[in-house]
């Protein structure tokens, strides 16, 4: 019984640390996507909204996490965006259409 409890605690600890690492990856990718489209990532607003299982190209099961974040084109607006990580790889992203500010 004690061994099962230790295994469960280790699994929870691993999942927590893995989730923190994936959030850092999502922040980096969100920042890169924002910069690519001349947008500003707001408040490091990256938050995980869904976790489920998916398969990578080799057929291995990995966690599929959806992160939501906000960006701004002019500093006065907020655009709600998404990105999806399969394991550590960017699988999908969405930035809605927006008007670019005139300089």
N, C-alpha and C. Protein backbone atom coordinates (compact mmCIF):
# COMPACT_ATOMS: atom_id res chain seq x y z
N UNK A 1 0.81 -1.20 0.00
CA UNK A 1 0.00 0.00 0.00
C UNK A 1 0.86 1.27 0.00
N UNK A 2 1.92 1.27 0.80
CA UNK A 2 2.80 2.44 0.86
C UNK A 2 3.51 2.66 -0.47
N UNK A 3 3.86 1.57 -1.14
CA UNK A 3 4.56 1.68 -2.44
C UNK A 3 3.64 2.31 -3.49
N UNK A 4 2.38 1.97 -3.47
CA UNK A 4 1.41 2.55 -4.41
C UNK A 4 1.28 4.05 -4.15
N UNK A 5 1.23 4.44 -2.89
CA UNK A 5 1.13 5.85 -2.53
C UNK A 5 2.36 6.62 -3.01
N UNK A 6 3.52 6.04 -2.86
CA UNK A 6 4.76 6.68 -3.31
C UNK A 6 4.75 6.84 -4.83
N UNK A 7 4.31 5.83 -5.54
CA UNK A 7 4.24 5.90 -7.01
C UNK A 7 3.26 6.98 -7.44
N UNK A 8 2.11 7.06 -6.77
CA UNK A 8 1.12 8.08 -7.11
C UNK A 8 1.68 9.48 -6.85
N UNK A 9 2.35 9.67 -5.73
CA UNK A 9 2.94 10.97 -5.42
C UNK A 9 4.03 11.35 -6.41
N UNK A 10 4.84 10.38 -6.81
CA UNK A 10 5.87 10.64 -7.82
C UNK A 10 5.25 11.02 -9.16
N UNK A 11 4.17 10.35 -9.55
CA UNK A 11 3.49 10.65 -10.81
C UNK A 11 2.90 12.06 -10.77
N UNK A 12 2.30 12.43 -9.64
CA UNK A 12 1.74 13.77 -9.51
C UNK A 12 2.85 14.82 -9.56
N UNK A 13 3.96 14.56 -8.89
CA UNK A 13 5.09 15.48 -8.92
C UNK A 13 5.65 15.64 -10.33
N UNK A 14 5.80 14.52 -11.05
CA UNK A 14 6.30 14.59 -12.43
C UNK A 14 5.34 15.41 -13.30
N UNK A 15 4.03 15.15 -13.17
CA UNK A 15 3.04 15.85 -13.99
C UNK A 15 3.08 17.35 -13.70
N UNK A 16 3.22 17.73 -12.44
CA UNK A 16 3.26 19.15 -12.06
C UNK A 16 4.48 19.83 -12.67
N UNK A 17 5.65 19.21 -12.54
CA UNK A 17 6.88 19.78 -13.10
C UNK A 17 6.80 19.84 -14.63
N UNK A 18 6.28 18.79 -15.25
CA UNK A 18 6.12 18.76 -16.70
C UNK A 18 5.17 19.87 -17.16
N UNK A 19 4.10 20.10 -16.41
CA UNK A 19 3.15 21.16 -16.76
C UNK A 19 3.79 22.54 -16.67
N UNK A 20 4.63 22.76 -15.65
CA UNK A 20 5.34 24.05 -15.55
C UNK A 20 6.28 24.25 -16.73
N UNK A 21 6.98 23.19 -17.12
CA UNK A 21 7.89 23.28 -18.28
C UNK A 21 7.13 23.56 -19.57
N UNK A 22 5.99 22.92 -19.73
CA UNK A 22 5.20 23.13 -20.96
C UNK A 22 4.61 24.53 -20.98
N UNK A 23 4.25 25.10 -19.82
CA UNK A 23 3.75 26.47 -19.79
C UNK A 23 4.85 27.43 -20.21
N UNK A 24 6.07 27.20 -19.75
CA UNK A 24 7.20 28.04 -20.17
C UNK A 24 7.39 27.95 -21.67
N UNK A 25 7.26 26.76 -22.23
CA UNK A 25 7.38 26.56 -23.68
C UNK A 25 6.26 27.31 -24.41
N UNK A 26 5.04 27.25 -23.86
CA UNK A 26 3.91 27.95 -24.47
C UNK A 26 4.11 29.46 -24.43
N UNK A 27 4.68 29.98 -23.34
CA UNK A 27 4.96 31.42 -23.26
C UNK A 27 5.97 31.81 -24.34
N UNK A 28 7.01 31.01 -24.50
CA UNK A 28 8.02 31.28 -25.53
C UNK A 28 7.40 31.25 -26.93
N UNK A 29 6.61 30.22 -27.21
CA UNK A 29 5.98 30.12 -28.53
C UNK A 29 4.97 31.23 -28.76
N UNK A 30 4.19 31.58 -27.73
CA UNK A 30 3.24 32.69 -27.84
C UNK A 30 3.94 34.00 -28.12
N UNK A 31 5.07 34.20 -27.47
CA UNK A 31 5.86 35.40 -27.70
C UNK A 31 6.42 35.43 -29.11
N UNK A 32 6.91 34.30 -29.60
CA UNK A 32 7.43 34.22 -30.97
C UNK A 32 6.33 34.46 -32.00
N UNK A 33 5.16 33.86 -31.80
CA UNK A 33 4.04 34.08 -32.72
C UNK A 33 3.62 35.55 -32.71
N UNK A 34 3.55 36.13 -31.52
CA UNK A 34 3.18 37.55 -31.41
C UNK A 34 4.16 38.42 -32.18
N UNK A 35 5.44 38.19 -31.98
CA UNK A 35 6.46 39.00 -32.67
C UNK A 35 6.38 38.82 -34.18
N UNK A 36 6.10 37.61 -34.63
CA UNK A 36 6.01 37.34 -36.07
C UNK A 36 4.91 38.18 -36.72
N UNK A 37 3.83 38.45 -35.98
CA UNK A 37 2.70 39.21 -36.53
C UNK A 37 2.64 40.63 -35.99
N UNK A 38 3.78 41.13 -35.47
CA UNK A 38 3.86 42.49 -34.94
C UNK A 38 2.82 42.76 -33.85
N UNK A 39 2.64 41.78 -32.98
CA UNK A 39 1.72 41.91 -31.86
C UNK A 39 2.50 41.85 -30.56
N UNK A 40 1.86 42.28 -29.50
CA UNK A 40 2.49 42.24 -28.18
C UNK A 40 1.75 41.22 -27.32
N UNK A 41 2.49 40.29 -26.74
CA UNK A 41 1.92 39.33 -25.81
C UNK A 41 1.58 40.07 -24.53
N UNK A 42 0.33 39.96 -24.07
CA UNK A 42 -0.13 40.73 -22.91
C UNK A 42 0.02 39.95 -21.62
N UNK A 43 0.61 40.59 -20.64
CA UNK A 43 0.64 40.13 -19.26
C UNK A 43 1.14 38.70 -19.08
N UNK A 44 1.87 38.19 -20.01
CA UNK A 44 2.19 36.76 -19.97
C UNK A 44 0.92 35.98 -19.62
N UNK A 45 -0.11 36.25 -20.40
CA UNK A 45 -1.45 35.74 -20.13
C UNK A 45 -1.65 34.30 -20.55
N UNK A 46 -0.59 33.57 -20.77
CA UNK A 46 -0.69 32.20 -21.25
C UNK A 46 -1.23 31.30 -20.15
N UNK A 47 -2.33 30.60 -20.45
CA UNK A 47 -2.94 29.70 -19.47
C UNK A 47 -3.42 28.44 -20.16
N UNK A 48 -3.20 27.31 -19.55
CA UNK A 48 -3.65 26.03 -20.09
C UNK A 48 -5.15 25.90 -19.89
N UNK A 49 -5.89 25.59 -20.96
CA UNK A 49 -7.34 25.48 -20.87
C UNK A 49 -7.83 24.04 -21.04
N UNK A 50 -7.03 23.19 -21.67
CA UNK A 50 -7.42 21.79 -21.89
C UNK A 50 -6.20 20.90 -21.87
N UNK A 51 -6.38 19.70 -21.34
CA UNK A 51 -5.34 18.67 -21.42
C UNK A 51 -6.05 17.36 -21.76
N UNK A 52 -5.55 16.71 -22.78
CA UNK A 52 -6.01 15.38 -23.12
C UNK A 52 -4.88 14.63 -23.79
N UNK A 53 -5.15 13.43 -24.24
CA UNK A 53 -4.11 12.60 -24.85
C UNK A 53 -4.20 12.66 -26.36
N UNK A 54 -3.05 12.63 -27.01
CA UNK A 54 -2.97 12.60 -28.46
C UNK A 54 -1.79 11.76 -28.88
N UNK A 55 -1.70 11.48 -30.17
CA UNK A 55 -0.59 10.67 -30.70
C UNK A 55 0.28 11.53 -31.59
N UNK A 56 1.59 11.36 -31.44
CA UNK A 56 2.52 12.09 -32.29
C UNK A 56 2.68 11.34 -33.62
N UNK A 57 3.56 11.81 -34.48
CA UNK A 57 3.75 11.19 -35.81
C UNK A 57 4.21 9.75 -35.75
N UNK A 58 4.90 9.40 -34.68
CA UNK A 58 5.37 8.02 -34.51
C UNK A 58 4.33 7.13 -33.85
N UNK A 59 3.19 7.69 -33.47
CA UNK A 59 2.14 6.93 -32.84
C UNK A 59 2.24 6.83 -31.33
N UNK A 60 3.20 7.55 -30.75
CA UNK A 60 3.34 7.53 -29.29
C UNK A 60 2.32 8.46 -28.64
N UNK A 61 1.76 8.02 -27.54
CA UNK A 61 0.78 8.83 -26.81
C UNK A 61 1.51 9.90 -26.01
N UNK A 62 1.03 11.14 -26.14
CA UNK A 62 1.58 12.27 -25.41
C UNK A 62 0.43 13.16 -24.95
N UNK A 63 0.73 14.03 -23.99
CA UNK A 63 -0.28 14.99 -23.57
C UNK A 63 -0.44 16.05 -24.64
N UNK A 64 -1.68 16.37 -24.94
CA UNK A 64 -2.04 17.42 -25.88
C UNK A 64 -2.65 18.54 -25.05
N UNK A 65 -1.96 19.67 -24.99
CA UNK A 65 -2.38 20.79 -24.14
C UNK A 65 -2.75 21.99 -25.01
N UNK A 66 -3.88 22.61 -24.68
CA UNK A 66 -4.30 23.84 -25.34
C UNK A 66 -4.05 25.00 -24.39
N UNK A 67 -3.36 26.02 -24.90
CA UNK A 67 -3.06 27.21 -24.13
C UNK A 67 -3.76 28.39 -24.78
N UNK A 68 -4.33 29.25 -23.96
CA UNK A 68 -4.96 30.47 -24.44
C UNK A 68 -4.15 31.65 -23.95
N UNK A 69 -4.07 32.68 -24.79
CA UNK A 69 -3.31 33.87 -24.43
C UNK A 69 -3.87 35.07 -25.16
N UNK A 70 -3.55 36.25 -24.67
CA UNK A 70 -4.03 37.49 -25.26
C UNK A 70 -2.86 38.28 -25.83
N UNK A 71 -3.12 38.92 -26.96
CA UNK A 71 -2.14 39.79 -27.60
C UNK A 71 -2.81 41.12 -27.91
N UNK A 72 -2.00 42.10 -28.25
CA UNK A 72 -2.52 43.41 -28.62
C UNK A 72 -1.80 43.91 -29.86
N UNK A 73 -2.58 44.55 -30.75
CA UNK A 73 -2.00 45.14 -31.95
C UNK A 73 -1.62 46.60 -31.72
N UNK A 74 -2.39 47.29 -30.87
CA UNK A 74 -2.16 48.73 -30.68
C UNK A 74 -1.91 49.12 -29.23
N UNK A 75 -2.07 48.19 -28.32
CA UNK A 75 -1.95 48.51 -26.90
C UNK A 75 -3.28 48.84 -26.27
N UNK A 76 -4.31 49.09 -27.08
CA UNK A 76 -5.64 49.40 -26.58
C UNK A 76 -6.65 48.29 -26.83
N UNK A 77 -6.21 47.22 -27.43
CA UNK A 77 -7.13 46.14 -27.77
C UNK A 77 -6.59 44.81 -27.22
N UNK A 78 -7.45 43.81 -27.21
CA UNK A 78 -7.06 42.46 -26.79
C UNK A 78 -7.60 41.47 -27.82
N UNK A 79 -6.71 40.63 -28.28
CA UNK A 79 -7.11 39.54 -29.18
C UNK A 79 -6.88 38.23 -28.44
N UNK A 80 -7.89 37.39 -28.42
CA UNK A 80 -7.79 36.11 -27.75
C UNK A 80 -7.25 35.07 -28.73
N UNK A 81 -6.15 34.43 -28.37
CA UNK A 81 -5.46 33.49 -29.26
C UNK A 81 -5.31 32.14 -28.58
N UNK A 82 -4.92 31.15 -29.38
CA UNK A 82 -4.69 29.79 -28.88
C UNK A 82 -3.47 29.19 -29.52
N UNK A 83 -2.85 28.28 -28.78
CA UNK A 83 -1.85 27.40 -29.36
C UNK A 83 -1.99 26.04 -28.70
N UNK A 84 -1.59 25.01 -29.42
CA UNK A 84 -1.71 23.65 -28.94
C UNK A 84 -0.34 22.99 -28.97
N UNK A 85 0.03 22.37 -27.87
CA UNK A 85 1.28 21.63 -27.78
C UNK A 85 0.98 20.14 -27.70
N UNK A 86 1.62 19.38 -28.55
CA UNK A 86 1.60 17.92 -28.45
C UNK A 86 2.98 17.52 -27.96
N UNK A 87 3.04 17.13 -26.71
CA UNK A 87 4.35 16.94 -26.10
C UNK A 87 5.00 18.30 -25.97
N UNK A 88 6.11 18.48 -26.65
CA UNK A 88 6.83 19.75 -26.62
C UNK A 88 6.73 20.50 -27.96
N UNK A 89 6.00 19.93 -28.91
CA UNK A 89 5.92 20.49 -30.26
C UNK A 89 4.66 21.30 -30.47
N UNK A 90 4.81 22.43 -31.17
CA UNK A 90 3.66 23.24 -31.54
C UNK A 90 2.87 22.50 -32.60
N UNK A 91 1.62 22.20 -32.30
CA UNK A 91 0.79 21.46 -33.24
C UNK A 91 -0.17 22.34 -34.00
N UNK A 92 -0.65 23.41 -33.37
CA UNK A 92 -1.67 24.25 -33.96
C UNK A 92 -1.62 25.60 -33.26
N UNK A 93 -1.96 26.66 -33.97
CA UNK A 93 -2.10 27.97 -33.35
C UNK A 93 -3.17 28.75 -34.09
N UNK A 94 -3.75 29.72 -33.38
CA UNK A 94 -4.78 30.57 -33.98
C UNK A 94 -4.63 31.98 -33.43
N UNK A 95 -4.48 32.93 -34.35
CA UNK A 95 -4.52 34.35 -34.03
C UNK A 95 -5.60 34.94 -34.93
N UNK A 96 -6.64 35.55 -34.35
CA UNK A 96 -7.73 36.06 -35.18
C UNK A 96 -7.28 37.23 -36.05
N UNK A 97 -8.00 37.49 -37.13
CA UNK A 97 -7.69 38.64 -37.99
C UNK A 97 -7.79 39.94 -37.18
N UNK A 98 -6.96 40.91 -37.52
CA UNK A 98 -6.95 42.17 -36.80
C UNK A 98 -6.48 43.27 -37.73
N UNK A 99 -6.81 44.50 -37.38
CA UNK A 99 -6.34 45.66 -38.13
C UNK A 99 -4.99 46.07 -37.57
N UNK A 100 -4.04 46.25 -38.46
CA UNK A 100 -2.71 46.68 -38.03
C UNK A 100 -2.74 48.20 -37.86
N UNK A 101 -2.16 48.68 -36.76
CA UNK A 101 -2.14 50.13 -36.54
C UNK A 101 -1.29 50.83 -37.60
N UNK A 102 -1.73 52.02 -37.96
CA UNK A 102 -1.01 52.84 -38.94
C UNK A 102 -0.02 53.69 -38.18
N UNK A 103 1.24 53.65 -38.58
CA UNK A 103 2.30 54.44 -37.91
C UNK A 103 2.45 55.79 -38.52
